[in-house]
Amino acid sequence: MTRLLLDEMLQLRAAEILREEHGHRAAHVCEFGLDATADADIATFARANDWAVVTENVVDFARESDLVLVFVLKRSLPAGGAQAGALAELLDRWVREHPNPYLGAHWPR
């Protein structure tokens, strides 16, 4: 199963929901002390530890081709308190539909 590492602009609560309610291996960068860390360093960490990076930061991560990148735009999710749950549902569905994702960019719907 794909391990999901959520970038800092996404809610920690989404990683918690993915673990607690959906049984996924998911974490937020802050849980590894990687908040406010350069994107290249997050990519290096993810690559070395076999994590897929879930991020809104398309520009900085788009050139990373040797890891799984899951791009999610927050504006496509409900605002406020419902956002974490909606993100968790979206990612849960994506992981189930893509049990062995290819390296590179993914855009779950």
PDB file of N, CA and C in Angstrom:
ATOM      1  N   MET A   1       0.846  -1.185   0.000  1.00  0.00           N
ATOM      2  CA  MET A   1       0.000   0.000   0.000  1.00  0.00           C
ATOM      3  C   MET A   1       0.888   1.244   0.000  1.00  0.00           C
ATOM      4  N   THR A   2       0.489   2.235  -0.727  1.00  0.00           N
ATOM      5  CA  THR A   2       1.238   3.478  -0.832  1.00  0.00           C
ATOM      6  C   THR A   2       1.249   4.222   0.494  1.00  0.00           C
ATOM      7  N   ARG A   3       2.426   4.691   0.866  1.00  0.00           N
ATOM      8  CA  ARG A   3       2.579   5.516   2.071  1.00  0.00           C
ATOM      9  C   ARG A   3       2.472   6.976   1.649  1.00  0.00           C
ATOM     10  N   LEU A   4       1.609   7.722   2.308  1.00  0.00           N
ATOM     11  CA  LEU A   4       1.323   9.106   1.922  1.00  0.00           C
ATOM     12  C   LEU A   4       1.936  10.089   2.906  1.00  0.00           C
ATOM     13  N   LEU A   5       2.762  10.988   2.403  1.00  0.00           N
ATOM     14  CA  LEU A   5       3.378  12.047   3.199  1.00  0.00           C
ATOM     15  C   LEU A   5       2.758  13.371   2.774  1.00  0.00           C
ATOM     16  N   LEU A   6       1.956  13.962   3.649  1.00  0.00           N
ATOM     17  CA  LEU A   6       1.265  15.210   3.332  1.00  0.00           C
ATOM     18  C   LEU A   6       2.163  16.404   3.611  1.00  0.00           C
ATOM     19  N   ASP A   7       2.240  17.291   2.644  1.00  0.00           N
ATOM     20  CA  ASP A   7       3.063  18.489   2.740  1.00  0.00           C
ATOM     21  C   ASP A   7       2.420  19.491   3.706  1.00  0.00           C
ATOM     22  N   GLU A   8       3.197  20.488   4.097  1.00  0.00           N
ATOM     23  CA  GLU A   8       2.802  21.381   5.189  1.00  0.00           C
ATOM     24  C   GLU A   8       1.564  22.230   4.931  1.00  0.00           C
ATOM     25  N   MET A   9       1.213  22.498   3.685  1.00  0.00           N
ATOM     26  CA  MET A   9       0.033  23.333   3.437  1.00  0.00           C
ATOM     27  C   MET A   9      -1.265  22.548   3.581  1.00  0.00           C
ATOM     28  N   LEU A  10      -1.147  21.241   3.739  1.00  0.00           N
ATOM     29  CA  LEU A  10      -2.316  20.393   3.944  1.00  0.00           C
ATOM     30  C   LEU A  10      -2.489  20.123   5.434  1.00  0.00           C
ATOM     31  N   GLN A  11      -3.690  19.806   5.827  1.00  0.00           N
ATOM     32  CA  GLN A  11      -3.995  19.670   7.253  1.00  0.00           C
ATOM     33  C   GLN A  11      -3.482  18.357   7.835  1.00  0.00           C
ATOM     34  N   LEU A  12      -2.843  18.461   8.989  1.00  0.00           N
ATOM     35  CA  LEU A  12      -2.410  17.288   9.751  1.00  0.00           C
ATOM     36  C   LEU A  12      -3.588  16.350   9.987  1.00  0.00           C
ATOM     37  N   ARG A  13      -4.751  16.909  10.239  1.00  0.00           N
ATOM     38  CA  ARG A  13      -5.934  16.092  10.527  1.00  0.00           C
ATOM     39  C   ARG A  13      -6.237  15.123   9.391  1.00  0.00           C
ATOM     40  N   ALA A  14      -5.942  15.490   8.148  1.00  0.00           N
ATOM     41  CA  ALA A  14      -6.186  14.588   7.018  1.00  0.00           C
ATOM     42  C   ALA A  14      -5.336  13.324   7.143  1.00  0.00           C
ATOM     43  N   ALA A  15      -4.081  13.469   7.551  1.00  0.00           N
ATOM     44  CA  ALA A  15      -3.218  12.296   7.759  1.00  0.00           C
ATOM     45  C   ALA A  15      -3.766  11.432   8.888  1.00  0.00           C
ATOM     46  N   GLU A  16      -4.238  12.074   9.935  1.00  0.00           N
ATOM     47  CA  GLU A  16      -4.807  11.330  11.067  1.00  0.00           C
ATOM     48  C   GLU A  16      -6.047  10.548  10.639  1.00  0.00           C
ATOM     49  N   ILE A  17      -6.908  11.157   9.851  1.00  0.00           N
ATOM     50  CA  ILE A  17      -8.113  10.477   9.363  1.00  0.00           C
ATOM     51  C   ILE A  17      -7.727   9.301   8.469  1.00  0.00           C
ATOM     52  N   LEU A  18      -6.746   9.511   7.606  1.00  0.00           N
ATOM     53  CA  LEU A  18      -6.301   8.420   6.733  1.00  0.00           C
ATOM     54  C   LEU A  18      -5.826   7.220   7.543  1.00  0.00           C
ATOM     55  N   ARG A  19      -5.112   7.475   8.626  1.00  0.00           N
ATOM     56  CA  ARG A  19      -4.629   6.380   9.485  1.00  0.00           C
ATOM     57  C   ARG A  19      -5.762   5.753  10.285  1.00  0.00           C
ATOM     58  N   GLU A  20      -6.495   6.605  11.004  1.00  0.00           N
ATOM     59  CA  GLU A  20      -7.468   6.131  11.990  1.00  0.00           C
ATOM     60  C   GLU A  20      -8.743   5.555  11.378  1.00  0.00           C
ATOM     61  N   GLU A  21      -9.208   6.153  10.296  1.00  0.00           N
ATOM     62  CA  GLU A  21     -10.492   5.736   9.734  1.00  0.00           C
ATOM     63  C   GLU A  21     -10.366   4.872   8.487  1.00  0.00           C
ATOM     64  N   HIS A  22      -9.222   4.974   7.795  1.00  0.00           N
ATOM     65  CA  HIS A  22      -9.070   4.238   6.540  1.00  0.00           C
ATOM     66  C   HIS A  22      -7.937   3.211   6.576  1.00  0.00           C
ATOM     67  N   GLY A  23      -7.147   3.207   7.633  1.00  0.00           N
ATOM     68  CA  GLY A  23      -6.087   2.212   7.772  1.00  0.00           C
ATOM     69  C   GLY A  23      -4.878   2.413   6.882  1.00  0.00           C
ATOM     70  N   HIS A  24      -4.684   3.631   6.385  1.00  0.00           N
ATOM     71  CA  HIS A  24      -3.545   3.898   5.503  1.00  0.00           C
ATOM     72  C   HIS A  24      -2.306   4.275   6.297  1.00  0.00           C
ATOM     73  N   ARG A  25      -1.181   4.061   5.677  1.00  0.00           N
ATOM     74  CA  ARG A  25       0.079   4.551   6.228  1.00  0.00           C
ATOM     75  C   ARG A  25       0.221   5.987   5.717  1.00  0.00           C
ATOM     76  N   ALA A  26      -0.072   6.924   6.569  1.00  0.00           N
ATOM     77  CA  ALA A  26      -0.065   8.338   6.193  1.00  0.00           C
ATOM     78  C   ALA A  26       0.559   9.145   7.316  1.00  0.00           C
ATOM     79  N   ALA A  27       1.254  10.202   6.932  1.00  0.00           N
ATOM     80  CA  ALA A  27       1.879  11.093   7.910  1.00  0.00           C
ATOM     81  C   ALA A  27       1.902  12.497   7.332  1.00  0.00           C
ATOM     82  N   HIS A  28       2.057  13.453   8.212  1.00  0.00           N
ATOM     83  CA  HIS A  28       2.207  14.854   7.826  1.00  0.00           C
ATOM     84  C   HIS A  28       3.672  15.212   8.043  1.00  0.00           C
ATOM     85  N   VAL A  29       4.213  16.092   7.222  1.00  0.00           N
ATOM     86  CA  VAL A  29       5.632  16.444   7.357  1.00  0.00           C
ATOM     87  C   VAL A  29       5.980  16.916   8.759  1.00  0.00           C
ATOM     88  N   CYS A  30       5.043  17.571   9.440  1.00  0.00           N
ATOM     89  CA  CYS A  30       5.337  18.064  10.792  1.00  0.00           C
ATOM     90  C   CYS A  30       5.586  16.922  11.770  1.00  0.00           C
ATOM     91  N   GLU A  31       5.060  15.742  11.487  1.00  0.00           N
ATOM     92  CA  GLU A  31       5.264  14.600  12.376  1.00  0.00           C
ATOM     93  C   GLU A  31       6.696  14.069  12.311  1.00  0.00           C
ATOM     94  N   PHE A  32       7.435  14.476  11.293  1.00  0.00           N
ATOM     95  CA  PHE A  32       8.846  14.130  11.156  1.00  0.00           C
ATOM     96  C   PHE A  32       9.746  15.337  11.401  1.00  0.00           C
ATOM     97  N   GLY A  33       9.163  16.442  11.855  1.00  0.00           N
ATOM     98  CA  GLY A  33       9.943  17.657  12.061  1.00  0.00           C
ATOM     99  C   GLY A  33      10.360  18.317  10.760  1.00  0.00           C
ATOM    100  N   LEU A  34       9.605  18.065   9.689  1.00  0.00           N
ATOM    101  CA  LEU A  34       9.964  18.595   8.373  1.00  0.00           C
ATOM    102  C   LEU A  34       9.135  19.805   7.955  1.00  0.00           C
ATOM    103  N   ASP A  35       8.348  20.370   8.875  1.00  0.00           N
ATOM    104  CA  ASP A  35       7.621  21.582   8.517  1.00  0.00           C
ATOM    105  C   ASP A  35       8.648  22.695   8.326  1.00  0.00           C
ATOM    106  N   ALA A  36       8.383  23.588   7.410  1.00  0.00           N
ATOM    107  CA  ALA A  36       9.302  24.678   7.043  1.00  0.00           C
ATOM    108  C   ALA A  36      10.609  24.143   6.470  1.00  0.00           C
ATOM    109  N   THR A  37      10.549  22.974   5.844  1.00  0.00           N
ATOM    110  CA  THR A  37      11.713  22.360   5.204  1.00  0.00           C
ATOM    111  C   THR A  37      11.621  22.599   3.701  1.00  0.00           C
ATOM    112  N   ALA A  38      12.749  22.794   3.063  1.00  0.00           N
ATOM    113  CA  ALA A  38      12.775  23.013   1.614  1.00  0.00           C
ATOM    114  C   ALA A  38      12.141  21.823   0.888  1.00  0.00           C
ATOM    115  N   ASP A  39      11.431  22.118  -0.190  1.00  0.00           N
ATOM    116  CA  ASP A  39      10.755  21.065  -0.943  1.00  0.00           C
ATOM    117  C   ASP A  39      11.726  20.004  -1.444  1.00  0.00           C
ATOM    118  N   ALA A  40      12.910  20.406  -1.866  1.00  0.00           N
ATOM    119  CA  ALA A  40      13.907  19.435  -2.331  1.00  0.00           C
ATOM    120  C   ALA A  40      14.291  18.471  -1.216  1.00  0.00           C
ATOM    121  N   ASP A  41      14.356  18.963   0.011  1.00  0.00           N
ATOM    122  CA  ASP A  41      14.686  18.094   1.146  1.00  0.00           C
ATOM    123  C   ASP A  41      13.530  17.159   1.487  1.00  0.00           C
ATOM    124  N   ILE A  42      12.315  17.627   1.334  1.00  0.00           N
ATOM    125  CA  ILE A  42      11.158  16.751   1.542  1.00  0.00           C
ATOM    126  C   ILE A  42      11.158  15.654   0.482  1.00  0.00           C
ATOM    127  N   ALA A  43      11.454  16.011  -0.756  1.00  0.00           N
ATOM    128  CA  ALA A  43      11.529  15.012  -1.825  1.00  0.00           C
ATOM    129  C   ALA A  43      12.620  13.986  -1.530  1.00  0.00           C
ATOM    130  N   THR A  44      13.762  14.439  -1.051  1.00  0.00           N
ATOM    131  CA  THR A  44      14.852  13.521  -0.706  1.00  0.00           C
ATOM    132  C   THR A  44      14.419  12.571   0.405  1.00  0.00           C
ATOM    133  N   PHE A  45      13.768  13.102   1.436  1.00  0.00           N
ATOM    134  CA  PHE A  45      13.267  12.277   2.538  1.00  0.00           C
ATOM    135  C   PHE A  45      12.260  11.251   2.018  1.00  0.00           C
ATOM    136  N   ALA A  46      11.322  11.703   1.203  1.00  0.00           N
ATOM    137  CA  ALA A  46      10.289  10.806   0.676  1.00  0.00           C
ATOM    138  C   ALA A  46      10.907   9.706  -0.177  1.00  0.00           C
ATOM    139  N   ARG A  47      11.832  10.067  -1.014  1.00  0.00           N
ATOM    140  CA  ARG A  47      12.503   9.104  -1.884  1.00  0.00           C
ATOM    141  C   ARG A  47      13.242   8.055  -1.057  1.00  0.00           C
ATOM    142  N   ALA A  48      13.975   8.502  -0.050  1.00  0.00           N
ATOM    143  CA  ALA A  48      14.788   7.602   0.774  1.00  0.00           C
ATOM    144  C   ALA A  48      13.940   6.684   1.644  1.00  0.00           C
ATOM    145  N   ASN A  49      12.721   7.117   1.968  1.00  0.00           N
ATOM    146  CA  ASN A  49      11.883   6.358   2.898  1.00  0.00           C
ATOM    147  C   ASN A  49      10.620   5.789   2.256  1.00  0.00           C
ATOM    148  N   ASP A  50      10.565   5.839   0.932  1.00  0.00           N
ATOM    149  CA  ASP A  50       9.470   5.238   0.166  1.00  0.00           C
ATOM    150  C   ASP A  50       8.099   5.828   0.504  1.00  0.00           C
ATOM    151  N   TRP A  51       8.008   7.153   0.496  1.00  0.00           N
ATOM    152  CA  TRP A  51       6.748   7.858   0.705  1.00  0.00           C
ATOM    153  C   TRP A  51       6.324   8.511  -0.608  1.00  0.00           C
ATOM    154  N   ALA A  52       5.037   8.572  -0.853  1.00  0.00           N
ATOM    155  CA  ALA A  52       4.483   9.401  -1.917  1.00  0.00           C
ATOM    156  C   ALA A  52       4.207  10.772  -1.303  1.00  0.00           C
ATOM    157  N   VAL A  53       4.581  11.830  -1.987  1.00  0.00           N
ATOM    158  CA  VAL A  53       4.365  13.182  -1.475  1.00  0.00           C
ATOM    159  C   VAL A  53       3.019  13.700  -1.977  1.00  0.00           C
ATOM    160  N   VAL A  54       2.184  14.121  -1.037  1.00  0.00           N
ATOM    161  CA  VAL A  54       0.898  14.742  -1.364  1.00  0.00           C
ATOM    162  C   VAL A  54       1.074  16.233  -1.118  1.00  0.00           C
ATOM    163  N   THR A  55       0.902  17.030  -2.167  1.00  0.00           N
ATOM    164  CA  THR A  55       1.195  18.454  -2.058  1.00  0.00           C
ATOM    165  C   THR A  55       0.308  19.272  -2.984  1.00  0.00           C
ATOM    166  N   GLU A  56       0.222  20.534  -2.684  1.00  0.00           N
ATOM    167  CA  GLU A  56      -0.436  21.505  -3.556  1.00  0.00           C
ATOM    168  C   GLU A  56       0.620  22.254  -4.378  1.00  0.00           C
ATOM    169  N   ASN A  57       1.859  22.073  -4.027  1.00  0.00           N
ATOM    170  CA  ASN A  57       2.963  22.842  -4.581  1.00  0.00           C
ATOM    171  C   ASN A  57       3.458  22.238  -5.899  1.00  0.00           C
ATOM    172  N   VAL A  58       2.704  22.445  -6.941  1.00  0.00           N
ATOM    173  CA  VAL A  58       3.009  21.873  -8.244  1.00  0.00           C
ATOM    174  C   VAL A  58       4.324  22.410  -8.790  1.00  0.00           C
ATOM    175  N   VAL A  59       4.533  23.699  -8.702  1.00  0.00           N
ATOM    176  CA  VAL A  59       5.706  24.328  -9.313  1.00  0.00           C
ATOM    177  C   VAL A  59       7.010  23.733  -8.790  1.00  0.00           C
ATOM    178  N   ASP A  60       7.153  23.616  -7.484  1.00  0.00           N
ATOM    179  CA  ASP A  60       8.422  23.156  -6.922  1.00  0.00           C
ATOM    180  C   ASP A  60       8.623  21.653  -7.017  1.00  0.00           C
ATOM    181  N   PHE A  61       7.557  20.873  -7.047  1.00  0.00           N
ATOM    182  CA  PHE A  61       7.708  19.420  -7.091  1.00  0.00           C
ATOM    183  C   PHE A  61       7.606  18.847  -8.500  1.00  0.00           C
ATOM    184  N   ALA A  62       7.122  19.595  -9.469  1.00  0.00           N
ATOM    185  CA  ALA A  62       6.878  19.064 -10.811  1.00  0.00           C
ATOM    186  C   ALA A  62       8.133  18.496 -11.466  1.00  0.00           C
ATOM    187  N   ARG A  63       9.273  19.005 -11.136  1.00  0.00           N
ATOM    188  CA  ARG A  63      10.505  18.509 -11.765  1.00  0.00           C
ATOM    189  C   ARG A  63      11.026  17.227 -11.113  1.00  0.00           C
ATOM    190  N   GLU A  64      10.414  16.795 -10.025  1.00  0.00           N
ATOM    191  CA  GLU A  64      10.806  15.545  -9.362  1.00  0.00           C
ATOM    192  C   GLU A  64      10.149  14.386 -10.109  1.00  0.00           C
ATOM    193  N   SER A  65      10.933  13.572 -10.773  1.00  0.00           N
ATOM    194  CA  SER A  65      10.351  12.500 -11.586  1.00  0.00           C
ATOM    195  C   SER A  65      10.573  11.111 -11.002  1.00  0.00           C
ATOM    196  N   ASP A  66      11.385  11.002  -9.971  1.00  0.00           N
ATOM    197  CA  ASP A  66      11.723   9.672  -9.459  1.00  0.00           C
ATOM    198  C   ASP A  66      11.081   9.370  -8.112  1.00  0.00           C
ATOM    199  N   LEU A  67       9.909   9.935  -7.881  1.00  0.00           N
ATOM    200  CA  LEU A  67       9.095   9.581  -6.729  1.00  0.00           C
ATOM    201  C   LEU A  67       7.631   9.792  -7.093  1.00  0.00           C
ATOM    202  N   VAL A  68       6.757   9.222  -6.299  1.00  0.00           N
ATOM    203  CA  VAL A  68       5.321   9.369  -6.542  1.00  0.00           C
ATOM    204  C   VAL A  68       4.878  10.712  -5.967  1.00  0.00           C
ATOM    205  N   LEU A  69       4.257  11.521  -6.814  1.00  0.00           N
ATOM    206  CA  LEU A  69       3.751  12.840  -6.423  1.00  0.00           C
ATOM    207  C   LEU A  69       2.245  12.864  -6.623  1.00  0.00           C
ATOM    208  N   VAL A  70       1.545  13.260  -5.593  1.00  0.00           N
ATOM    209  CA  VAL A  70       0.090  13.350  -5.666  1.00  0.00           C
ATOM    210  C   VAL A  70      -0.265  14.822  -5.476  1.00  0.00           C
ATOM    211  N   PHE A  71      -0.697  15.458  -6.555  1.00  0.00           N
ATOM    212  CA  PHE A  71      -1.017  16.878  -6.515  1.00  0.00           C
ATOM    213  C   PHE A  71      -2.503  17.078  -6.214  1.00  0.00           C
ATOM    214  N   VAL A  72      -2.778  17.877  -5.202  1.00  0.00           N
ATOM    215  CA  VAL A  72      -4.144  18.185  -4.787  1.00  0.00           C
ATOM    216  C   VAL A  72      -4.232  19.690  -4.563  1.00  0.00           C
ATOM    217  N   LEU A  73      -5.190  20.320  -5.199  1.00  0.00           N
ATOM    218  CA  LEU A  73      -5.395  21.751  -4.999  1.00  0.00           C
ATOM    219  C   LEU A  73      -6.478  21.959  -3.950  1.00  0.00           C
ATOM    220  N   LYS A  74      -6.146  22.693  -2.892  1.00  0.00           N
ATOM    221  CA  LYS A  74      -7.108  22.908  -1.806  1.00  0.00           C
ATOM    222  C   LYS A  74      -8.369  23.607  -2.295  1.00  0.00           C
ATOM    223  N   ARG A  75      -8.257  24.417  -3.325  1.00  0.00           N
ATOM    224  CA  ARG A  75      -9.444  25.125  -3.812  1.00  0.00           C
ATOM    225  C   ARG A  75     -10.477  24.159  -4.399  1.00  0.00           C
ATOM    226  N   SER A  76     -10.068  22.918  -4.682  1.00  0.00           N
ATOM    227  CA  SER A  76     -11.018  21.923  -5.188  1.00  0.00           C
ATOM    228  C   SER A  76     -11.703  21.156  -4.053  1.00  0.00           C
ATOM    229  N   LEU A  77     -11.332  21.468  -2.814  1.00  0.00           N
ATOM    230  CA  LEU A  77     -11.897  20.813  -1.632  1.00  0.00           C
ATOM    231  C   LEU A  77     -12.779  21.798  -0.873  1.00  0.00           C
ATOM    232  N   PRO A  78     -13.693  21.308  -0.035  1.00  0.00           N
ATOM    233  CA  PRO A  78     -14.494  22.223   0.777  1.00  0.00           C
ATOM    234  C   PRO A  78     -13.605  23.045   1.707  1.00  0.00           C
ATOM    235  N   ALA A  79     -14.015  24.236   2.003  1.00  0.00           N
ATOM    236  CA  ALA A  79     -13.247  25.094   2.913  1.00  0.00           C
ATOM    237  C   ALA A  79     -13.542  24.722   4.357  1.00  0.00           C
ATOM    238  N   GLY A  80     -12.666  25.176   5.239  1.00  0.00           N
ATOM    239  CA  GLY A  80     -12.903  25.036   6.675  1.00  0.00           C
ATOM    240  C   GLY A  80     -12.729  23.630   7.199  1.00  0.00           C
ATOM    241  N   GLY A  81     -13.545  23.290   8.196  1.00  0.00           N
ATOM    242  CA  GLY A  81     -13.401  22.037   8.911  1.00  0.00           C
ATOM    243  C   GLY A  81     -13.659  20.794   8.083  1.00  0.00           C
ATOM    244  N   ALA A  82     -14.366  20.922   6.981  1.00  0.00           N
ATOM    245  CA  ALA A  82     -14.664  19.760   6.143  1.00  0.00           C
ATOM    246  C   ALA A  82     -13.503  19.387   5.234  1.00  0.00           C
ATOM    247  N   GLN A  83     -12.502  20.257   5.132  1.00  0.00           N
ATOM    248  CA  GLN A  83     -11.428  20.027   4.178  1.00  0.00           C
ATOM    249  C   GLN A  83     -10.606  18.775   4.480  1.00  0.00           C
ATOM    250  N   ALA A  84     -10.259  18.545   5.734  1.00  0.00           N
ATOM    251  CA  ALA A  84      -9.432  17.386   6.090  1.00  0.00           C
ATOM    252  C   ALA A  84     -10.140  16.086   5.742  1.00  0.00           C
ATOM    253  N   GLY A  85     -11.415  16.001   6.064  1.00  0.00           N
ATOM    254  CA  GLY A  85     -12.172  14.794   5.748  1.00  0.00           C
ATOM    255  C   GLY A  85     -12.304  14.568   4.255  1.00  0.00           C
ATOM    256  N   ALA A  86     -12.548  15.634   3.512  1.00  0.00           N
ATOM    257  CA  ALA A  86     -12.675  15.522   2.059  1.00  0.00           C
ATOM    258  C   ALA A  86     -11.354  15.100   1.432  1.00  0.00           C
ATOM    259  N   LEU A  87     -10.250  15.650   1.918  1.00  0.00           N
ATOM    260  CA  LEU A  87      -8.937  15.263   1.407  1.00  0.00           C
ATOM    261  C   LEU A  87      -8.662  13.794   1.718  1.00  0.00           C
ATOM    262  N   ALA A  88      -8.975  13.373   2.932  1.00  0.00           N
ATOM    263  CA  ALA A  88      -8.766  11.973   3.306  1.00  0.00           C
ATOM    264  C   ALA A  88      -9.592  11.044   2.420  1.00  0.00           C
ATOM    265  N   GLU A  89     -10.836  11.407   2.144  1.00  0.00           N
ATOM    266  CA  GLU A  89     -11.692  10.588   1.269  1.00  0.00           C
ATOM    267  C   GLU A  89     -11.114  10.517  -0.138  1.00  0.00           C
ATOM    268  N   LEU A  90     -10.667  11.646  -0.655  1.00  0.00           N
ATOM    269  CA  LEU A  90     -10.079  11.692  -1.990  1.00  0.00           C
ATOM    270  C   LEU A  90      -8.842  10.801  -2.070  1.00  0.00           C
ATOM    271  N   LEU A  91      -7.965  10.913  -1.081  1.00  0.00           N
ATOM    272  CA  LEU A  91      -6.733  10.124  -1.091  1.00  0.00           C
ATOM    273  C   LEU A  91      -7.003   8.646  -0.846  1.00  0.00           C
ATOM    274  N   ASP A  92      -7.958   8.330   0.007  1.00  0.00           N
ATOM    275  CA  ASP A  92      -8.334   6.930   0.226  1.00  0.00           C
ATOM    276  C   ASP A  92      -8.784   6.301  -1.085  1.00  0.00           C
ATOM    277  N   ARG A  93      -9.645   6.989  -1.800  1.00  0.00           N
ATOM    278  CA  ARG A  93     -10.135   6.483  -3.085  1.00  0.00           C
ATOM    279  C   ARG A  93      -8.982   6.330  -4.080  1.00  0.00           C
ATOM    280  N   TRP A  94      -8.092   7.318  -4.127  1.00  0.00           N
ATOM    281  CA  TRP A  94      -6.970   7.262  -5.065  1.00  0.00           C
ATOM    282  C   TRP A  94      -6.058   6.070  -4.758  1.00  0.00           C
ATOM    283  N   VAL A  95      -5.741   5.843  -3.488  1.00  0.00           N
ATOM    284  CA  VAL A  95      -4.868   4.719  -3.122  1.00  0.00           C
ATOM    285  C   VAL A  95      -5.522   3.394  -3.503  1.00  0.00           C
ATOM    286  N   ARG A  96      -6.813   3.251  -3.258  1.00  0.00           N
ATOM    287  CA  ARG A  96      -7.497   2.007  -3.612  1.00  0.00           C
ATOM    288  C   ARG A  96      -7.520   1.797  -5.125  1.00  0.00           C
ATOM    289  N   GLU A  97      -7.649   2.870  -5.883  1.00  0.00           N
ATOM    290  CA  GLU A  97      -7.685   2.763  -7.345  1.00  0.00           C
ATOM    291  C   GLU A  97      -6.299   2.603  -7.957  1.00  0.00           C
ATOM    292  N   HIS A  98      -5.254   2.981  -7.218  1.00  0.00           N
ATOM    293  CA  HIS A  98      -3.875   2.932  -7.722  1.00  0.00           C
ATOM    294  C   HIS A  98      -2.974   2.248  -6.690  1.00  0.00           C
ATOM    295  N   PRO A  99      -3.123   0.938  -6.508  1.00  0.00           N
ATOM    296  CA  PRO A  99      -2.344   0.253  -5.471  1.00  0.00           C
ATOM    297  C   PRO A  99      -0.838   0.259  -5.735  1.00  0.00           C
ATOM    298  N   ASN A 100      -0.436   0.377  -6.988  1.00  0.00           N
ATOM    299  CA  ASN A 100       0.984   0.416  -7.352  1.00  0.00           C
ATOM    300  C   ASN A 100       1.227   1.601  -8.282  1.00  0.00           C
ATOM    301  N   PRO A 101       1.211   2.812  -7.759  1.00  0.00           N
ATOM    302  CA  PRO A 101       1.312   3.989  -8.632  1.00  0.00           C
ATOM    303  C   PRO A 101       2.684   4.110  -9.288  1.00  0.00           C
ATOM    304  N   TYR A 102       2.682   4.616 -10.496  1.00  0.00           N
ATOM    305  CA  TYR A 102       3.928   4.874 -11.211  1.00  0.00           C
ATOM    306  C   TYR A 102       4.628   6.085 -10.600  1.00  0.00           C
ATOM    307  N   LEU A 103       5.933   6.184 -10.838  1.00  0.00           N
ATOM    308  CA  LEU A 103       6.688   7.356 -10.402  1.00  0.00           C
ATOM    309  C   LEU A 103       6.254   8.547 -11.243  1.00  0.00           C
ATOM    310  N   GLY A 104       6.146   9.688 -10.611  1.00  0.00           N
ATOM    311  CA  GLY A 104       5.755  10.891 -11.318  1.00  0.00           C
ATOM    312  C   GLY A 104       4.465  11.465 -10.762  1.00  0.00           C
ATOM    313  N   ALA A 105       3.875  12.359 -11.535  1.00  0.00           N
ATOM    314  CA  ALA A 105       2.729  13.145 -11.071  1.00  0.00           C
ATOM    315  C   ALA A 105       1.401  12.419 -11.231  1.00  0.00           C
ATOM    316  N   HIS A 106       0.566  12.567 -10.212  1.00  0.00           N
ATOM    317  CA  HIS A 106      -0.799  12.046 -10.205  1.00  0.00           C
ATOM    318  C   HIS A 106      -1.723  13.186  -9.777  1.00  0.00           C
ATOM    319  N   TRP A 107      -2.919  13.194 -10.346  1.00  0.00           N
ATOM    320  CA  TRP A 107      -3.933  14.206 -10.016  1.00  0.00           C
ATOM    321  C   TRP A 107      -5.232  13.492  -9.663  1.00  0.00           C
ATOM    322  N   PRO A 108      -5.421  13.099  -8.402  1.00  0.00           N
ATOM    323  CA  PRO A 108      -6.658  12.391  -8.050  1.00  0.00           C
ATOM    324  C   PRO A 108      -7.887  13.268  -8.230  1.00  0.00           C
ATOM    325  N   ARG A 109      -9.005  12.630  -8.565  1.00  0.00           N
ATOM    326  CA  ARG A 109     -10.277  13.343  -8.764  1.00  0.00           C
ATOM    327  C   ARG A 109     -11.330  12.769  -7.854  1.00  0.00           C
TER     328      ARG A 109
END
